Amino acid sequence: MIALPARDDAYDYEFFGKQCDAVVLMNYDQHWLTSPPGPIAAQDWFVENLRQVFDVVPPQKIIVGVANYAYDWPLNTKNVKEAAAEFSIQEALLHVEESDTDVEFDSNSLNPHYSYYDEHNHMHQVWMLDAVTAYNELRPASDWACKAPRSGG
């Protein structure tokens, strides 16, 4: 078994699909800690990654990894690039309440997000993958007969 990132030309997915019993497709981090802010796994990006892997790896060998966390990017007007902070969904949702802001649902990516100003009056943008996002991602994965990790016996 091998875990591979989604959509990375540095990896030969077909080779690993032939050599390994299973390929765990880590189908998240479209935008990552040091990238500009954006969806962590937009629905169309997620589905396209599945399609590309299914072209070269047998479906019975694919295990789809879905994420459940949030990235908080500081938006700096001085062109200083700061890495995002990573939070659990619970931490991000508590922060929404503390920041007196609202979660918005991006209809293009199907990922929730929000913005807020910190104590220094700096704007932040937070993108999340929550339970609804996971449900939306697992629907096409199950349609293609991927294995989903299961807990318990």
Protein backbone atom coordinates (compact mmCIF):
# COMPACT_ATOMS: atom_id res chain seq x y z
CA MET A 1 0.00 0.00 0.00
CA ILE A 2 1.19 3.51 -0.80
CA ALA A 3 -0.30 6.94 -0.11
CA LEU A 4 0.03 9.42 -2.96
CA PRO A 5 -0.96 13.07 -3.25
CA ALA A 6 -3.60 14.00 -5.77
CA ARG A 7 -2.54 15.41 -9.12
CA ASP A 8 1.23 15.36 -8.77
CA ASP A 9 3.22 14.66 -11.94
CA ALA A 10 6.21 13.59 -9.82
CA TYR A 11 4.45 10.25 -9.19
CA ASP A 12 3.76 7.48 -11.69
CA TYR A 13 0.27 6.45 -10.56
CA GLU A 14 0.05 3.69 -13.15
CA PHE A 15 3.31 2.13 -11.93
CA PHE A 16 2.19 2.18 -8.29
CA GLY A 17 -1.22 0.85 -9.29
CA LYS A 18 0.49 -2.21 -10.78
CA GLN A 19 3.05 -2.69 -8.01
CA CYS A 20 0.96 -2.06 -4.88
CA ASP A 21 -2.02 -3.80 -3.33
CA ALA A 22 -3.67 -0.42 -2.74
CA VAL A 23 -3.19 3.24 -3.58
CA VAL A 24 -4.43 5.76 -1.02
CA LEU A 25 -5.24 8.90 -2.99
CA MET A 26 -4.81 11.86 -0.66
CA ASN A 27 -7.41 13.88 -2.52
CA TYR A 28 -7.03 17.22 -0.75
CA ASP A 29 -4.71 20.24 -0.47
CA GLN A 30 -5.64 21.86 -3.74
CA HIS A 31 -4.61 24.93 -1.74
CA TRP A 32 -2.11 24.24 1.04
CA LEU A 33 -0.45 25.98 3.98
CA THR A 34 1.97 28.04 1.86
CA SER A 35 -0.23 28.59 -1.21
CA PRO A 36 -2.55 31.54 -1.73
CA PRO A 37 -5.94 31.05 0.00
CA GLY A 38 -8.59 28.96 -1.68
CA PRO A 39 -10.62 25.77 -1.50
CA ILE A 40 -8.84 22.84 0.11
CA ALA A 41 -10.57 20.41 -2.25
CA ALA A 42 -13.06 21.90 -4.68
CA GLN A 43 -15.63 19.35 -5.81
CA ASP A 44 -14.71 19.53 -9.51
CA TRP A 45 -10.98 19.28 -8.66
CA PHE A 46 -11.68 16.27 -6.41
CA VAL A 47 -13.74 14.48 -9.08
CA GLU A 48 -11.18 15.20 -11.82
CA ASN A 49 -8.44 13.70 -9.63
CA LEU A 50 -10.53 10.54 -9.25
CA ARG A 51 -11.10 10.37 -13.00
CA GLN A 52 -7.38 10.71 -13.73
CA VAL A 53 -6.43 8.00 -11.24
CA PHE A 54 -9.19 5.67 -12.45
CA ASP A 55 -7.73 5.91 -15.93
CA VAL A 56 -4.53 4.18 -14.74
CA VAL A 57 -5.26 2.37 -11.45
CA PRO A 58 -7.84 -0.43 -11.04
CA PRO A 59 -10.79 0.83 -8.92
CA GLN A 60 -10.51 -2.04 -6.45
CA LYS A 61 -7.04 -0.77 -5.51
CA ILE A 62 -8.03 2.84 -4.86
CA ILE A 63 -8.67 4.12 -1.35
CA VAL A 64 -9.83 7.72 -1.35
CA GLY A 65 -8.53 9.98 1.39
CA VAL A 66 -10.82 12.85 2.34
CA ALA A 67 -9.85 15.63 4.72
CA ASN A 68 -11.60 17.30 7.64
CA TYR A 69 -9.78 20.47 8.70
CA ALA A 70 -9.45 24.19 8.06
CA TYR A 71 -6.66 26.49 6.88
CA ASP A 72 -6.50 30.09 8.13
CA TRP A 73 -4.53 32.34 5.78
CA PRO A 74 -3.49 35.81 6.91
CA LEU A 75 -4.00 38.28 4.07
CA ASN A 76 -1.10 40.69 4.15
CA THR A 77 -1.15 43.83 2.05
CA LYS A 78 2.65 44.24 2.34
CA ASN A 79 3.30 41.25 0.05
CA VAL A 80 4.84 39.29 2.91
CA LYS A 81 3.87 35.68 2.41
CA GLU A 82 2.80 33.98 5.62
CA ALA A 83 1.85 30.34 5.90
CA ALA A 84 -1.66 29.46 6.93
CA ALA A 85 -2.48 27.98 10.30
CA GLU A 86 -4.20 24.59 10.39
CA PHE A 87 -7.25 24.05 12.60
CA SER A 88 -9.69 21.26 13.29
CA ILE A 89 -13.23 21.85 12.08
CA GLN A 90 -14.31 22.25 15.69
CA GLU A 91 -11.68 24.95 16.27
CA ALA A 92 -12.65 26.75 13.07
CA LEU A 93 -16.35 26.72 13.92
CA LEU A 94 -15.67 27.99 17.45
CA HIS A 95 -13.58 30.74 15.88
CA VAL A 96 -16.51 31.73 13.65
CA GLU A 97 -18.58 32.33 16.78
CA GLU A 98 -15.77 34.21 18.54
CA SER A 99 -15.12 36.37 15.47
CA ASP A 100 -18.79 37.26 15.10
CA THR A 101 -18.74 36.29 11.43
CA ASP A 102 -20.66 33.84 9.27
CA VAL A 103 -19.60 30.79 7.32
CA GLU A 104 -20.28 31.14 3.61
CA PHE A 105 -20.70 28.29 1.16
CA ASP A 106 -18.80 28.71 -2.08
CA SER A 107 -21.12 27.43 -4.80
CA ASN A 108 -18.25 26.90 -7.26
CA SER A 109 -16.00 24.74 -5.07
CA LEU A 110 -18.68 23.42 -2.68
CA ASN A 111 -16.28 24.27 0.19
CA PRO A 112 -17.26 26.43 3.18
CA HIS A 113 -15.19 29.47 4.11
CA TYR A 114 -15.22 32.70 6.09
CA SER A 115 -13.18 35.85 6.62
CA TYR A 116 -12.42 37.84 9.76
CA TYR A 117 -10.20 40.58 11.15
CA ASP A 118 -7.77 39.65 13.93
CA GLU A 119 -6.86 41.78 16.99
CA HIS A 120 -4.34 43.71 14.83
CA ASN A 121 -7.04 44.51 12.27
CA HIS A 122 -5.48 42.12 9.71
CA MET A 123 -7.84 40.24 7.43
CA HIS A 124 -7.79 36.43 7.40
CA GLN A 125 -9.44 33.98 5.04
CA VAL A 126 -10.38 30.52 6.31
CA TRP A 127 -11.33 27.59 4.08
CA MET A 128 -12.68 24.33 5.50
CA LEU A 129 -13.55 20.76 4.67
CA ASP A 130 -16.42 19.65 6.89
CA ALA A 131 -18.82 16.69 7.11
CA VAL A 132 -21.02 18.01 4.29
CA THR A 133 -17.97 18.40 2.06
CA ALA A 134 -16.90 14.83 2.89
CA TYR A 135 -20.37 13.55 2.02
CA ASN A 136 -20.31 15.39 -1.31
CA GLU A 137 -16.85 13.99 -2.09
CA LEU A 138 -17.70 10.41 -1.13
CA ARG A 139 -20.74 10.27 -3.43
CA PRO A 140 -18.76 10.22 -6.71
CA ALA A 141 -16.06 8.07 -5.11
CA SER A 142 -18.63 5.42 -4.19
CA ASP A 143 -20.16 5.68 -7.66
CA TRP A 144 -16.75 4.63 -9.00
CA ALA A 145 -16.52 1.81 -6.44
CA CYS A 146 -13.54 3.14 -4.50
CA LYS A 147 -12.81 1.71 -1.11
CA ALA A 148 -13.36 4.13 1.73
CA PRO A 149 -11.40 3.71 4.96
CA ARG A 150 -13.58 2.26 7.68
CA SER A 151 -13.17 2.21 11.40
CA GLY A 152 -13.90 -0.82 13.51
CA GLY A 153 -13.84 -4.48 12.58
